[in-house]
Amino acid sequence: MGELSKLPNIGKTVEEQLNQVGINTADELKSIGAKEAWLKGKKYPISGWLKYKNKNRK
């Protein structure tokens, strides 16, 4: 378990997905922002990102 999965609402799977797009630390995530991190994940298809977005759409 790395640094990111210690943050609220980020488990092992999301941490791995963030790592795959080059976000490895809490500071990197904070500097890029949640929206940009999601867009980065969308640019490089990662299983689960779009499914999660659609599931939580209001």
PDB file of N, CA and C in Angstrom:
ATOM      1  N   MET A   1       0.840  -1.167   0.000  1.00  0.00           N
ATOM      2  CA  MET A   1       0.000   0.000   0.000  1.00  0.00           C
ATOM      3  C   MET A   1       0.895   1.242   0.000  1.00  0.00           C
ATOM      4  N   GLY A   2       0.612   2.142  -0.927  1.00  0.00           N
ATOM      5  CA  GLY A   2       1.436   3.335  -1.051  1.00  0.00           C
ATOM      6  C   GLY A   2       0.819   4.541  -0.376  1.00  0.00           C
ATOM      7  N   GLU A   3       1.395   5.663  -0.684  1.00  0.00           N
ATOM      8  CA  GLU A   3       0.995   6.927  -0.062  1.00  0.00           C
ATOM      9  C   GLU A   3      -0.433   7.343  -0.424  1.00  0.00           C
ATOM     10  N   LEU A   4      -0.811   7.185  -1.685  1.00  0.00           N
ATOM     11  CA  LEU A   4      -2.125   7.659  -2.126  1.00  0.00           C
ATOM     12  C   LEU A   4      -3.282   6.919  -1.476  1.00  0.00           C
ATOM     13  N   SER A   5      -3.146   5.632  -1.261  1.00  0.00           N
ATOM     14  CA  SER A   5      -4.247   4.858  -0.690  1.00  0.00           C
ATOM     15  C   SER A   5      -4.487   5.177   0.785  1.00  0.00           C
ATOM     16  N   LYS A   6      -3.630   5.982   1.376  1.00  0.00           N
ATOM     17  CA  LYS A   6      -3.842   6.437   2.747  1.00  0.00           C
ATOM     18  C   LYS A   6      -4.771   7.649   2.782  1.00  0.00           C
ATOM     19  N   LEU A   7      -5.038   8.237   1.611  1.00  0.00           N
ATOM     20  CA  LEU A   7      -5.944   9.379   1.522  1.00  0.00           C
ATOM     21  C   LEU A   7      -7.390   8.907   1.546  1.00  0.00           C
ATOM     22  N   PRO A   8      -8.317   9.768   1.999  1.00  0.00           N
ATOM     23  CA  PRO A   8      -9.729   9.388   2.015  1.00  0.00           C
ATOM     24  C   PRO A   8     -10.247   9.065   0.614  1.00  0.00           C
ATOM     25  N   ASN A   9     -11.053   8.039   0.519  1.00  0.00           N
ATOM     26  CA  ASN A   9     -11.723   7.621  -0.726  1.00  0.00           C
ATOM     27  C   ASN A   9     -10.780   7.146  -1.830  1.00  0.00           C
ATOM     28  N   ILE A  10      -9.550   6.823  -1.476  1.00  0.00           N
ATOM     29  CA  ILE A  10      -8.619   6.263  -2.463  1.00  0.00           C
ATOM     30  C   ILE A  10      -8.139   4.919  -1.937  1.00  0.00           C
ATOM     31  N   GLY A  11      -8.592   3.875  -2.604  1.00  0.00           N
ATOM     32  CA  GLY A  11      -8.175   2.524  -2.236  1.00  0.00           C
ATOM     33  C   GLY A  11      -7.021   2.068  -3.104  1.00  0.00           C
ATOM     34  N   LYS A  12      -6.689   0.812  -2.965  1.00  0.00           N
ATOM     35  CA  LYS A  12      -5.556   0.241  -3.696  1.00  0.00           C
ATOM     36  C   LYS A  12      -5.754   0.337  -5.206  1.00  0.00           C
ATOM     37  N   THR A  13      -6.974   0.058  -5.688  1.00  0.00           N
ATOM     38  CA  THR A  13      -7.233   0.069  -7.133  1.00  0.00           C
ATOM     39  C   THR A  13      -7.084   1.467  -7.711  1.00  0.00           C
ATOM     40  N   VAL A  14      -7.670   2.457  -7.048  1.00  0.00           N
ATOM     41  CA  VAL A  14      -7.570   3.836  -7.542  1.00  0.00           C
ATOM     42  C   VAL A  14      -6.117   4.297  -7.484  1.00  0.00           C
ATOM     43  N   GLU A  15      -5.411   3.914  -6.444  1.00  0.00           N
ATOM     44  CA  GLU A  15      -3.997   4.269  -6.349  1.00  0.00           C
ATOM     45  C   GLU A  15      -3.219   3.693  -7.539  1.00  0.00           C
ATOM     46  N   GLU A  16      -3.469   2.446  -7.875  1.00  0.00           N
ATOM     47  CA  GLU A  16      -2.792   1.830  -9.017  1.00  0.00           C
ATOM     48  C   GLU A  16      -3.125   2.565 -10.313  1.00  0.00           C
ATOM     49  N   GLN A  17      -4.391   2.972 -10.455  1.00  0.00           N
ATOM     50  CA  GLN A  17      -4.805   3.702 -11.651  1.00  0.00           C
ATOM     51  C   GLN A  17      -4.112   5.055 -11.728  1.00  0.00           C
ATOM     52  N   LEU A  18      -4.029   5.742 -10.613  1.00  0.00           N
ATOM     53  CA  LEU A  18      -3.335   7.030 -10.592  1.00  0.00           C
ATOM     54  C   LEU A  18      -1.854   6.847 -10.917  1.00  0.00           C
ATOM     55  N   ASN A  19      -1.257   5.810 -10.373  1.00  0.00           N
ATOM     56  CA  ASN A  19       0.147   5.523 -10.658  1.00  0.00           C
ATOM     57  C   ASN A  19       0.373   5.276 -12.139  1.00  0.00           C
ATOM     58  N   GLN A  20      -0.571   4.611 -12.791  1.00  0.00           N
ATOM     59  CA  GLN A  20      -0.441   4.305 -14.217  1.00  0.00           C
ATOM     60  C   GLN A  20      -0.413   5.566 -15.078  1.00  0.00           C
ATOM     61  N   VAL A  21      -1.010   6.648 -14.597  1.00  0.00           N
ATOM     62  CA  VAL A  21      -1.004   7.896 -15.373  1.00  0.00           C
ATOM     63  C   VAL A  21       0.008   8.891 -14.808  1.00  0.00           C
ATOM     64  N   GLY A  22       0.907   8.422 -13.952  1.00  0.00           N
ATOM     65  CA  GLY A  22       2.018   9.247 -13.488  1.00  0.00           C
ATOM     66  C   GLY A  22       1.771  10.042 -12.223  1.00  0.00           C
ATOM     67  N   ILE A  23       0.723   9.727 -11.485  1.00  0.00           N
ATOM     68  CA  ILE A  23       0.448  10.409 -10.221  1.00  0.00           C
ATOM     69  C   ILE A  23       0.780   9.431  -9.102  1.00  0.00           C
ATOM     70  N   ASN A  24       1.858   9.737  -8.376  1.00  0.00           N
ATOM     71  CA  ASN A  24       2.370   8.784  -7.398  1.00  0.00           C
ATOM     72  C   ASN A  24       2.364   9.279  -5.959  1.00  0.00           C
ATOM     73  N   THR A  25       2.169  10.573  -5.757  1.00  0.00           N
ATOM     74  CA  THR A  25       2.192  11.115  -4.397  1.00  0.00           C
ATOM     75  C   THR A  25       0.979  12.009  -4.163  1.00  0.00           C
ATOM     76  N   ALA A  26       0.696  12.243  -2.886  1.00  0.00           N
ATOM     77  CA  ALA A  26      -0.415  13.129  -2.526  1.00  0.00           C
ATOM     78  C   ALA A  26      -0.152  14.543  -3.041  1.00  0.00           C
ATOM     79  N   ASP A  27       1.093  14.976  -3.010  1.00  0.00           N
ATOM     80  CA  ASP A  27       1.427  16.315  -3.512  1.00  0.00           C
ATOM     81  C   ASP A  27       1.172  16.419  -5.013  1.00  0.00           C
ATOM     82  N   GLU A  28       1.498  15.371  -5.759  1.00  0.00           N
ATOM     83  CA  GLU A  28       1.235  15.378  -7.209  1.00  0.00           C
ATOM     84  C   GLU A  28      -0.265  15.437  -7.475  1.00  0.00           C
ATOM     85  N   LEU A  29      -1.035  14.666  -6.723  1.00  0.00           N
ATOM     86  CA  LEU A  29      -2.485  14.667  -6.884  1.00  0.00           C
ATOM     87  C   LEU A  29      -3.065  16.032  -6.530  1.00  0.00           C
ATOM     88  N   LYS A  30      -2.584  16.612  -5.451  1.00  0.00           N
ATOM     89  CA  LYS A  30      -3.067  17.923  -5.026  1.00  0.00           C
ATOM     90  C   LYS A  30      -2.733  18.992  -6.068  1.00  0.00           C
ATOM     91  N   SER A  31      -1.536  18.940  -6.616  1.00  0.00           N
ATOM     92  CA  SER A  31      -1.128  19.969  -7.580  1.00  0.00           C
ATOM     93  C   SER A  31      -1.876  19.843  -8.908  1.00  0.00           C
ATOM     94  N   ILE A  32      -2.194  18.619  -9.314  1.00  0.00           N
ATOM     95  CA  ILE A  32      -2.914  18.432 -10.579  1.00  0.00           C
ATOM     96  C   ILE A  32      -4.420  18.608 -10.391  1.00  0.00           C
ATOM     97  N   GLY A  33      -4.923  18.279  -9.218  1.00  0.00           N
ATOM     98  CA  GLY A  33      -6.349  18.411  -8.933  1.00  0.00           C
ATOM     99  C   GLY A  33      -7.117  17.167  -9.343  1.00  0.00           C
ATOM    100  N   ALA A  34      -8.235  16.935  -8.672  1.00  0.00           N
ATOM    101  CA  ALA A  34      -9.029  15.725  -8.903  1.00  0.00           C
ATOM    102  C   ALA A  34      -9.582  15.673 -10.321  1.00  0.00           C
ATOM    103  N   LYS A  35     -10.080  16.801 -10.818  1.00  0.00           N
ATOM    104  CA  LYS A  35     -10.679  16.810 -12.161  1.00  0.00           C
ATOM    105  C   LYS A  35      -9.634  16.490 -13.225  1.00  0.00           C
ATOM    106  N   GLU A  36      -8.481  17.113 -13.145  1.00  0.00           N
ATOM    107  CA  GLU A  36      -7.425  16.867 -14.131  1.00  0.00           C
ATOM    108  C   GLU A  36      -6.904  15.429 -14.023  1.00  0.00           C
ATOM    109  N   ALA A  37      -6.834  14.899 -12.810  1.00  0.00           N
ATOM    110  CA  ALA A  37      -6.402  13.511 -12.625  1.00  0.00           C
ATOM    111  C   ALA A  37      -7.391  12.572 -13.304  1.00  0.00           C
ATOM    112  N   TRP A  38      -8.687  12.855 -13.138  1.00  0.00           N
ATOM    113  CA  TRP A  38      -9.705  12.031 -13.785  1.00  0.00           C
ATOM    114  C   TRP A  38      -9.583  12.127 -15.305  1.00  0.00           C
ATOM    115  N   LEU A  39      -9.400  13.345 -15.820  1.00  0.00           N
ATOM    116  CA  LEU A  39      -9.262  13.524 -17.268  1.00  0.00           C
ATOM    117  C   LEU A  39      -8.038  12.794 -17.807  1.00  0.00           C
ATOM    118  N   LYS A  40      -6.968  12.798 -17.031  1.00  0.00           N
ATOM    119  CA  LYS A  40      -5.760  12.068 -17.427  1.00  0.00           C
ATOM    120  C   LYS A  40      -6.062  10.576 -17.521  1.00  0.00           C
ATOM    121  N   GLY A  41      -6.816  10.061 -16.567  1.00  0.00           N
ATOM    122  CA  GLY A  41      -7.206   8.657 -16.580  1.00  0.00           C
ATOM    123  C   GLY A  41      -8.111   8.334 -17.751  1.00  0.00           C
ATOM    124  N   LYS A  42      -8.962   9.272 -18.101  1.00  0.00           N
ATOM    125  CA  LYS A  42      -9.875   9.075 -19.232  1.00  0.00           C
ATOM    126  C   LYS A  42      -9.108   9.067 -20.553  1.00  0.00           C
ATOM    127  N   LYS A  43      -8.068   9.897 -20.635  1.00  0.00           N
ATOM    128  CA  LYS A  43      -7.249   9.976 -21.844  1.00  0.00           C
ATOM    129  C   LYS A  43      -6.546   8.646 -22.115  1.00  0.00           C
ATOM    130  N   TYR A  44      -6.124   7.992 -21.055  1.00  0.00           N
ATOM    131  CA  TYR A  44      -5.488   6.689 -21.151  1.00  0.00           C
ATOM    132  C   TYR A  44      -6.433   5.693 -20.506  1.00  0.00           C
ATOM    133  N   PRO A  45      -7.302   5.060 -21.290  1.00  0.00           N
ATOM    134  CA  PRO A  45      -8.367   4.222 -20.722  1.00  0.00           C
ATOM    135  C   PRO A  45      -7.877   3.273 -19.629  1.00  0.00           C
ATOM    136  N   ILE A  46      -8.499   3.414 -18.510  1.00  0.00           N
ATOM    137  CA  ILE A  46      -8.182   2.579 -17.358  1.00  0.00           C
ATOM    138  C   ILE A  46      -9.488   1.950 -16.896  1.00  0.00           C
ATOM    139  N   SER A  47      -9.496   0.677 -16.768  1.00  0.00           N
ATOM    140  CA  SER A  47     -10.695  -0.035 -16.354  1.00  0.00           C
ATOM    141  C   SER A  47     -11.247   0.536 -15.056  1.00  0.00           C
ATOM    142  N   GLY A  48     -12.539   0.803 -15.065  1.00  0.00           N
ATOM    143  CA  GLY A  48     -13.193   1.240 -13.851  1.00  0.00           C
ATOM    144  C   GLY A  48     -13.451   2.726 -13.760  1.00  0.00           C
ATOM    145  N   TRP A  49     -12.629   3.592 -14.376  1.00  0.00           N
ATOM    146  CA  TRP A  49     -12.793   5.033 -14.232  1.00  0.00           C
ATOM    147  C   TRP A  49     -14.132   5.485 -14.805  1.00  0.00           C
ATOM    148  N   LEU A  50     -14.427   5.085 -16.033  1.00  0.00           N
ATOM    149  CA  LEU A  50     -15.668   5.523 -16.656  1.00  0.00           C
ATOM    150  C   LEU A  50     -16.870   4.858 -16.004  1.00  0.00           C
ATOM    151  N   LYS A  51     -16.721   3.605 -15.623  1.00  0.00           N
ATOM    152  CA  LYS A  51     -17.798   2.892 -14.945  1.00  0.00           C
ATOM    153  C   LYS A  51     -18.149   3.613 -13.643  1.00  0.00           C
ATOM    154  N   TYR A  52     -17.142   4.033 -12.881  1.00  0.00           N
ATOM    155  CA  TYR A  52     -17.354   4.737 -11.630  1.00  0.00           C
ATOM    156  C   TYR A  52     -18.065   6.066 -11.883  1.00  0.00           C
ATOM    157  N   LYS A  53     -17.619   6.805 -12.887  1.00  0.00           N
ATOM    158  CA  LYS A  53     -18.213   8.097 -13.197  1.00  0.00           C
ATOM    159  C   LYS A  53     -19.698   7.929 -13.541  1.00  0.00           C
ATOM    160  N   ASN A  54     -20.007   6.994 -14.405  1.00  0.00           N
ATOM    161  CA  ASN A  54     -21.385   6.790 -14.825  1.00  0.00           C
ATOM    162  C   ASN A  54     -22.261   6.294 -13.658  1.00  0.00           C
ATOM    163  N   LYS A  55     -21.703   5.478 -12.806  1.00  0.00           N
ATOM    164  CA  LYS A  55     -22.448   4.933 -11.673  1.00  0.00           C
ATOM    165  C   LYS A  55     -22.828   6.038 -10.691  1.00  0.00           C
ATOM    166  N   ASN A  56     -21.968   7.039 -10.535  1.00  0.00           N
ATOM    167  CA  ASN A  56     -22.179   8.080  -9.549  1.00  0.00           C
ATOM    168  C   ASN A  56     -22.742   9.374 -10.134  1.00  0.00           C
ATOM    169  N   ARG A  57     -23.180   9.316 -11.357  1.00  0.00           N
ATOM    170  CA  ARG A  57     -23.771  10.490 -12.008  1.00  0.00           C
ATOM    171  C   ARG A  57     -25.124  10.806 -11.389  1.00  0.00           C
ATOM    172  N   LYS A  58     -25.395  12.078 -11.173  1.00  0.00           N
ATOM    173  CA  LYS A  58     -26.686  12.482 -10.574  1.00  0.00           C
ATOM    174  C   LYS A  58     -27.568  13.130 -11.574  1.00  0.00           C
TER     175      LYS A  58
END
